[in-house]
Amino acid sequence: MTHHRGPAAGSGGPTEERHSDGSRFWRYWQTFPAFIQALTPLILGLVIGGAGGAAIGHSSSPAPQPTVTVTTTVTPSTPATTSAQAPATPTATPSVYWQGSVGLTIKGLNFDTRPPSSTPSSNIIYNGGLYGGGGTNIEFAVWSGSSAPNATQCQNYVTTHPSPSLLTINPGMQICIRTDQGRFGLLDIQSIDSTNGVASAQATIWGS
């Protein structure tokens, strides 16, 4: 009877094949000079350490930030000129066209002539009152102030309080008038002579 034996432990079986490559590398490594064997771990350490330091330095260094420069230009404003700063234009005082004593009658007086005359027919007539004879532009206004009006006041008053006639006049009245040609005046009534039909007045006419 024939007996077959399995491979003995430690003989050249599969286990020896698994370690054959490592054994060959080790025998090959032992053939290197001793100084190369001594430097190899140091070189590997420097390579691994340098690669790690580069990675750490790259990840920890912040990226440079751009510098932004802002320039602001301030333009001084020019103060606006208001109407209050504008120089006031002086108001010219109307010149006196004629001034003197007059006697008003039914014949009337034309205050657009110097001195006043009874011609032409556009006259201021006294007949118990004052009327504009023959002219539609003549106006009257009895001044209500306590003192005599000046040229501007009389002009404004007869313009805003016009009347084509005054039915009754008395001494002491101050009457602003507008003549047929657009001049302005003041009749200061001095006295009334009903018998002769005369009204005496001090007249001032402004204009040119």
C-alpha atoms as a PDB file:
ATOM      1  CA  MET A   1       0.000   0.000   0.000  1.00  0.00           C
ATOM      2  CA  THR A   2       1.353   3.328  -1.113  1.00  0.00           C
ATOM      3  CA  HIS A   3       1.164   6.473   1.205  1.00  0.00           C
ATOM      4  CA  HIS A   4       1.362  10.075  -0.013  1.00  0.00           C
ATOM      5  CA  ARG A   5       2.779  12.760   2.314  1.00  0.00           C
ATOM      6  CA  GLY A   6       1.770  16.370   2.299  1.00  0.00           C
ATOM      7  CA  PRO A   7       4.428  19.003   2.181  1.00  0.00           C
ATOM      8  CA  ALA A   8       6.312  19.293   5.412  1.00  0.00           C
ATOM      9  CA  ALA A   9       6.059  22.443   7.490  1.00  0.00           C
ATOM     10  CA  GLY A  10       8.800  24.919   6.613  1.00  0.00           C
ATOM     11  CA  SER A  11       9.348  23.381   3.188  1.00  0.00           C
ATOM     12  CA  GLY A  12       9.187  25.513   0.059  1.00  0.00           C
ATOM     13  CA  GLY A  13       5.392  25.874  -0.166  1.00  0.00           C
ATOM     14  CA  PRO A  14       3.038  28.819  -0.664  1.00  0.00           C
ATOM     15  CA  THR A  15       4.262  30.575   2.500  1.00  0.00           C
ATOM     16  CA  GLU A  16       7.762  30.780   1.171  1.00  0.00           C
ATOM     17  CA  GLU A  17       6.452  32.299  -2.126  1.00  0.00           C
ATOM     18  CA  ARG A  18       4.678  35.105  -0.186  1.00  0.00           C
ATOM     19  CA  HIS A  19       7.926  36.213   1.464  1.00  0.00           C
ATOM     20  CA  SER A  20      10.190  35.716  -1.520  1.00  0.00           C
ATOM     21  CA  ASP A  21       9.768  39.333  -2.838  1.00  0.00           C
ATOM     22  CA  GLY A  22      10.487  40.901   0.579  1.00  0.00           C
ATOM     23  CA  SER A  23      13.533  38.662   1.040  1.00  0.00           C
ATOM     24  CA  ARG A  24      14.947  39.630  -2.353  1.00  0.00           C
ATOM     25  CA  PHE A  25      14.451  43.427  -1.647  1.00  0.00           C
ATOM     26  CA  TRP A  26      16.175  43.039   1.696  1.00  0.00           C
ATOM     27  CA  ARG A  27      19.132  41.188   0.206  1.00  0.00           C
ATOM     28  CA  TYR A  28      19.300  43.924  -2.507  1.00  0.00           C
ATOM     29  CA  TRP A  29      19.187  46.716   0.082  1.00  0.00           C
ATOM     30  CA  GLN A  30      22.086  45.158   1.981  1.00  0.00           C
ATOM     31  CA  THR A  31      24.272  45.470  -1.093  1.00  0.00           C
ATOM     32  CA  PHE A  32      24.058  49.366  -0.920  1.00  0.00           C
ATOM     33  CA  PRO A  33      26.926  51.135   0.778  1.00  0.00           C
ATOM     34  CA  ALA A  34      26.417  51.931   4.433  1.00  0.00           C
ATOM     35  CA  PHE A  35      26.352  55.747   3.990  1.00  0.00           C
ATOM     36  CA  ILE A  36      23.482  55.512   1.439  1.00  0.00           C
ATOM     37  CA  GLN A  37      21.540  53.341   3.838  1.00  0.00           C
ATOM     38  CA  ALA A  38      22.141  55.945   6.566  1.00  0.00           C
ATOM     39  CA  LEU A  39      21.068  58.977   4.394  1.00  0.00           C
ATOM     40  CA  THR A  40      17.909  57.447   2.962  1.00  0.00           C
ATOM     41  CA  PRO A  41      15.683  57.951   6.079  1.00  0.00           C
ATOM     42  CA  LEU A  42      16.920  61.585   6.393  1.00  0.00           C
ATOM     43  CA  ILE A  43      16.149  62.359   2.732  1.00  0.00           C
ATOM     44  CA  LEU A  44      12.692  60.807   3.018  1.00  0.00           C
ATOM     45  CA  GLY A  45      12.022  62.880   6.177  1.00  0.00           C
ATOM     46  CA  LEU A  46      13.039  66.141   4.460  1.00  0.00           C
ATOM     47  CA  VAL A  47      10.868  65.396   1.416  1.00  0.00           C
ATOM     48  CA  ILE A  48       7.808  64.523   3.492  1.00  0.00           C
ATOM     49  CA  GLY A  49       8.340  67.460   5.893  1.00  0.00           C
ATOM     50  CA  GLY A  50       8.845  70.016   3.049  1.00  0.00           C
ATOM     51  CA  ALA A  51       5.701  68.896   1.260  1.00  0.00           C
ATOM     52  CA  GLY A  52       3.683  69.187   4.477  1.00  0.00           C
ATOM     53  CA  GLY A  53       5.108  72.643   5.284  1.00  0.00           C
ATOM     54  CA  ALA A  54       4.330  73.892   1.784  1.00  0.00           C
ATOM     55  CA  ALA A  55       0.766  72.662   2.086  1.00  0.00           C
ATOM     56  CA  ILE A  56       0.369  74.284   5.510  1.00  0.00           C
ATOM     57  CA  GLY A  57       1.946  77.568   4.355  1.00  0.00           C
ATOM     58  CA  HIS A  58      -0.268  77.699   1.282  1.00  0.00           C
ATOM     59  CA  SER A  59      -3.465  77.126   3.266  1.00  0.00           C
ATOM     60  CA  SER A  60      -2.677  79.534   6.133  1.00  0.00           C
ATOM     61  CA  SER A  61      -1.425  82.575   4.180  1.00  0.00           C
ATOM     62  CA  PRO A  62      -4.336  85.049   3.481  1.00  0.00           C
ATOM     63  CA  ALA A  63      -4.786  86.301  -0.051  1.00  0.00           C
ATOM     64  CA  PRO A  64      -3.717  89.934  -0.530  1.00  0.00           C
ATOM     65  CA  GLN A  65      -6.701  92.343  -0.449  1.00  0.00           C
ATOM     66  CA  PRO A  66      -7.024  95.062  -3.127  1.00  0.00           C
ATOM     67  CA  THR A  67      -6.549  98.648  -1.922  1.00  0.00           C
ATOM     68  CA  VAL A  68      -9.456 100.991  -2.759  1.00  0.00           C
ATOM     69  CA  THR A  69      -8.844 104.754  -2.788  1.00  0.00           C
ATOM     70  CA  VAL A  70     -11.919 107.025  -2.614  1.00  0.00           C
ATOM     71  CA  THR A  71     -11.485 110.653  -3.677  1.00  0.00           C
ATOM     72  CA  THR A  72     -14.190 113.172  -2.696  1.00  0.00           C
ATOM     73  CA  THR A  73     -14.368 116.572  -4.377  1.00  0.00           C
ATOM     74  CA  VAL A  74     -16.216 119.300  -2.462  1.00  0.00           C
ATOM     75  CA  THR A  75     -17.410 122.248  -4.537  1.00  0.00           C
ATOM     76  CA  PRO A  76     -18.214 125.366  -2.480  1.00  0.00           C
ATOM     77  CA  SER A  77     -21.726 126.568  -3.102  1.00  0.00           C
ATOM     78  CA  THR A  78     -22.422 130.140  -4.092  1.00  0.00           C
ATOM     79  CA  PRO A  79     -25.069 131.776  -1.921  1.00  0.00           C
ATOM     80  CA  ALA A  80     -28.133 132.681  -3.922  1.00  0.00           C
ATOM     81  CA  THR A  81     -28.969 136.331  -4.227  1.00  0.00           C
ATOM     82  CA  THR A  82     -32.349 136.961  -2.682  1.00  0.00           C
ATOM     83  CA  SER A  83     -34.698 139.763  -3.462  1.00  0.00           C
ATOM     84  CA  ALA A  84     -34.017 141.210   0.000  1.00  0.00           C
ATOM     85  CA  GLN A  85     -30.354 141.668  -0.957  1.00  0.00           C
ATOM     86  CA  ALA A  86     -31.148 143.535  -4.161  1.00  0.00           C
ATOM     87  CA  PRO A  87     -30.748 147.291  -3.899  1.00  0.00           C
ATOM     88  CA  ALA A  88     -34.044 149.082  -3.612  1.00  0.00           C
ATOM     89  CA  THR A  89     -35.000 151.292  -6.538  1.00  0.00           C
ATOM     90  CA  PRO A  90     -35.844 154.737  -5.268  1.00  0.00           C
ATOM     91  CA  THR A  91     -39.295 155.992  -6.170  1.00  0.00           C
ATOM     92  CA  ALA A  92     -39.168 159.289  -8.002  1.00  0.00           C
ATOM     93  CA  THR A  93     -41.267 162.041  -6.473  1.00  0.00           C
ATOM     94  CA  PRO A  94     -43.614 163.574  -9.072  1.00  0.00           C
ATOM     95  CA  SER A  95     -42.641 167.129  -9.941  1.00  0.00           C
ATOM     96  CA  VAL A  96     -44.978 170.059  -9.373  1.00  0.00           C
ATOM     97  CA  TYR A  97     -46.607 171.077 -12.641  1.00  0.00           C
ATOM     98  CA  TRP A  98     -48.278 174.162 -11.229  1.00  0.00           C
ATOM     99  CA  GLN A  99     -49.197 175.565  -7.804  1.00  0.00           C
ATOM    100  CA  GLY A 100     -51.215 178.623  -6.723  1.00  0.00           C
ATOM    101  CA  SER A 101     -54.572 180.093  -5.687  1.00  0.00           C
ATOM    102  CA  VAL A 102     -57.585 179.677  -7.960  1.00  0.00           C
ATOM    103  CA  GLY A 103     -61.233 180.710  -8.053  1.00  0.00           C
ATOM    104  CA  LEU A 104     -63.538 178.046  -9.446  1.00  0.00           C
ATOM    105  CA  THR A 105     -66.736 179.240 -11.133  1.00  0.00           C
ATOM    106  CA  ILE A 106     -69.335 177.985 -13.563  1.00  0.00           C
ATOM    107  CA  LYS A 107     -66.936 178.863 -16.376  1.00  0.00           C
ATOM    108  CA  GLY A 108     -64.541 176.270 -15.048  1.00  0.00           C
ATOM    109  CA  LEU A 109     -60.750 175.968 -15.146  1.00  0.00           C
ATOM    110  CA  ASN A 110     -58.513 173.705 -17.218  1.00  0.00           C
ATOM    111  CA  PHE A 111     -55.737 172.402 -14.936  1.00  0.00           C
ATOM    112  CA  ASP A 112     -53.766 170.960 -17.866  1.00  0.00           C
ATOM    113  CA  THR A 113     -52.539 174.458 -18.736  1.00  0.00           C
ATOM    114  CA  ARG A 114     -50.119 176.700 -16.834  1.00  0.00           C
ATOM    115  CA  PRO A 115     -51.618 178.714 -15.276  1.00  0.00           C
ATOM    116  CA  PRO A 116     -55.079 177.105 -15.308  1.00  0.00           C
ATOM    117  CA  SER A 117     -57.370 178.726 -17.853  1.00  0.00           C
ATOM    118  CA  SER A 118     -61.034 178.601 -18.815  1.00  0.00           C
ATOM    119  CA  THR A 119     -60.203 177.140 -22.206  1.00  0.00           C
ATOM    120  CA  PRO A 120     -60.454 174.596 -23.712  1.00  0.00           C
ATOM    121  CA  SER A 121     -63.811 173.211 -22.667  1.00  0.00           C
ATOM    122  CA  SER A 122     -62.501 170.209 -20.611  1.00  0.00           C
ATOM    123  CA  ASN A 123     -62.664 172.111 -17.333  1.00  0.00           C
ATOM    124  CA  ILE A 124     -63.389 171.584 -13.653  1.00  0.00           C
ATOM    125  CA  ILE A 125     -66.549 173.578 -12.930  1.00  0.00           C
ATOM    126  CA  TYR A 126     -67.954 174.873  -9.662  1.00  0.00           C
ATOM    127  CA  ASN A 127     -71.745 175.130  -9.438  1.00  0.00           C
ATOM    128  CA  GLY A 128     -72.587 174.338  -5.823  1.00  0.00           C
ATOM    129  CA  GLY A 129     -70.362 171.297  -6.325  1.00  0.00           C
ATOM    130  CA  LEU A 130     -67.518 170.206  -8.588  1.00  0.00           C
ATOM    131  CA  TYR A 131     -68.099 168.681 -12.032  1.00  0.00           C
ATOM    132  CA  GLY A 132     -66.015 167.697 -15.001  1.00  0.00           C
ATOM    133  CA  GLY A 133     -67.255 169.815 -17.867  1.00  0.00           C
ATOM    134  CA  GLY A 134     -66.844 168.402 -21.321  1.00  0.00           C
ATOM    135  CA  GLY A 135     -64.300 165.719 -20.345  1.00  0.00           C
ATOM    136  CA  THR A 136     -64.887 162.123 -19.302  1.00  0.00           C
ATOM    137  CA  ASN A 137     -61.433 161.597 -17.793  1.00  0.00           C
ATOM    138  CA  ILE A 138     -61.807 164.047 -14.871  1.00  0.00           C
ATOM    139  CA  GLU A 139     -62.163 162.364 -11.451  1.00  0.00           C
ATOM    140  CA  PHE A 140     -62.542 163.593  -7.841  1.00  0.00           C
ATOM    141  CA  ALA A 141     -61.930 162.028  -4.407  1.00  0.00           C
ATOM    142  CA  VAL A 142     -62.354 163.734  -1.026  1.00  0.00           C
ATOM    143  CA  TRP A 143     -59.255 162.998   1.106  1.00  0.00           C
ATOM    144  CA  SER A 144     -60.177 161.536   4.503  1.00  0.00           C
ATOM    145  CA  GLY A 145     -56.818 161.949   6.247  1.00  0.00           C
ATOM    146  CA  SER A 146     -56.151 164.496   8.972  1.00  0.00           C
ATOM    147  CA  SER A 147     -53.151 166.008   7.159  1.00  0.00           C
ATOM    148  CA  ALA A 148     -52.682 167.024   3.548  1.00  0.00           C
ATOM    149  CA  PRO A 149     -51.750 164.145   1.209  1.00  0.00           C
ATOM    150  CA  ASN A 150     -48.541 164.157  -0.795  1.00  0.00           C
ATOM    151  CA  ALA A 151     -48.380 163.532  -4.535  1.00  0.00           C
ATOM    152  CA  THR A 152     -48.244 159.735  -4.308  1.00  0.00           C
ATOM    153  CA  GLN A 153     -51.036 159.524  -1.756  1.00  0.00           C
ATOM    154  CA  CYS A 154     -53.307 161.783  -3.743  1.00  0.00           C
ATOM    155  CA  GLN A 155     -52.649 159.875  -6.971  1.00  0.00           C
ATOM    156  CA  ASN A 156     -53.363 156.512  -5.325  1.00  0.00           C
ATOM    157  CA  TYR A 157     -56.464 157.786  -3.564  1.00  0.00           C
ATOM    158  CA  VAL A 158     -58.190 159.302  -6.574  1.00  0.00           C
ATOM    159  CA  THR A 159     -57.311 156.169  -8.548  1.00  0.00           C
ATOM    160  CA  THR A 160     -58.921 153.868  -5.965  1.00  0.00           C
ATOM    161  CA  HIS A 161     -61.812 156.176  -4.946  1.00  0.00           C
ATOM    162  CA  PRO A 162     -62.794 157.904  -8.209  1.00  0.00           C
ATOM    163  CA  SER A 163     -65.980 159.919  -8.645  1.00  0.00           C
ATOM    164  CA  PRO A 164     -66.979 161.978 -11.737  1.00  0.00           C
ATOM    165  CA  SER A 165     -68.498 164.725  -9.549  1.00  0.00           C
ATOM    166  CA  LEU A 166     -68.937 166.072  -5.994  1.00  0.00           C
ATOM    167  CA  LEU A 167     -72.407 167.438  -5.296  1.00  0.00           C
ATOM    168  CA  THR A 168     -71.442 169.416  -2.187  1.00  0.00           C
ATOM    169  CA  ILE A 169     -68.143 170.986  -1.130  1.00  0.00           C
ATOM    170  CA  ASN A 170     -67.286 172.943   2.002  1.00  0.00           C
ATOM    171  CA  PRO A 171     -64.331 174.978   3.263  1.00  0.00           C
ATOM    172  CA  GLY A 172     -61.593 172.798   4.729  1.00  0.00           C
ATOM    173  CA  MET A 173     -62.133 169.938   2.259  1.00  0.00           C
ATOM    174  CA  GLN A 174     -59.051 168.487   0.587  1.00  0.00           C
ATOM    175  CA  ILE A 175     -59.980 167.076  -2.799  1.00  0.00           C
ATOM    176  CA  CYS A 176     -57.684 164.935  -4.933  1.00  0.00           C
ATOM    177  CA  ILE A 177     -58.318 165.327  -8.667  1.00  0.00           C
ATOM    178  CA  ARG A 178     -57.349 163.715 -11.931  1.00  0.00           C
ATOM    179  CA  THR A 179     -57.213 166.061 -14.900  1.00  0.00           C
ATOM    180  CA  ASP A 180     -58.447 165.292 -18.390  1.00  0.00           C
ATOM    181  CA  GLN A 181     -54.875 164.625 -19.602  1.00  0.00           C
ATOM    182  CA  GLY A 182     -54.020 162.347 -16.672  1.00  0.00           C
ATOM    183  CA  ARG A 183     -52.245 164.683 -14.266  1.00  0.00           C
ATOM    184  CA  PHE A 184     -52.981 164.511 -10.543  1.00  0.00           C
ATOM    185  CA  GLY A 185     -53.619 167.387  -8.177  1.00  0.00           C
ATOM    186  CA  LEU A 186     -54.953 168.602  -4.846  1.00  0.00           C
ATOM    187  CA  LEU A 187     -57.580 171.310  -4.294  1.00  0.00           C
ATOM    188  CA  ASP A 188     -57.543 172.650  -0.724  1.00  0.00           C
ATOM    189  CA  ILE A 189     -60.893 174.479  -0.440  1.00  0.00           C
ATOM    190  CA  GLN A 190     -60.393 177.793   1.368  1.00  0.00           C
ATOM    191  CA  SER A 191     -63.833 179.406   1.142  1.00  0.00           C
ATOM    192  CA  ILE A 192     -67.199 179.288  -0.595  1.00  0.00           C
ATOM    193  CA  ASP A 193     -68.922 182.449  -1.971  1.00  0.00           C
ATOM    194  CA  SER A 194     -72.438 181.215  -2.658  1.00  0.00           C
ATOM    195  CA  THR A 195     -73.628 184.746  -3.701  1.00  0.00           C
ATOM    196  CA  ASN A 196     -71.121 185.036  -6.524  1.00  0.00           C
ATOM    197  CA  GLY A 197     -70.797 181.309  -7.112  1.00  0.00           C
ATOM    198  CA  VAL A 198     -67.073 181.130  -6.418  1.00  0.00           C
ATOM    199  CA  ALA A 199     -65.082 178.448  -4.609  1.00  0.00           C
ATOM    200  CA  SER A 200     -61.622 179.646  -3.619  1.00  0.00           C
ATOM    201  CA  ALA A 201     -58.934 176.977  -3.367  1.00  0.00           C
ATOM    202  CA  GLN A 202     -55.194 176.448  -3.121  1.00  0.00           C
ATOM    203  CA  ALA A 203     -54.275 174.174  -6.048  1.00  0.00           C
ATOM    204  CA  THR A 204     -51.253 171.925  -6.548  1.00  0.00           C
ATOM    205  CA  ILE A 205     -50.913 169.955  -9.793  1.00  0.00           C
ATOM    206  CA  TRP A 206     -48.248 167.217 -10.264  1.00  0.00           C
ATOM    207  CA  GLY A 207     -46.992 165.911 -13.551  1.00  0.00           C
ATOM    208  CA  SER A 208     -45.147 167.111 -16.603  1.00  0.00           C
END
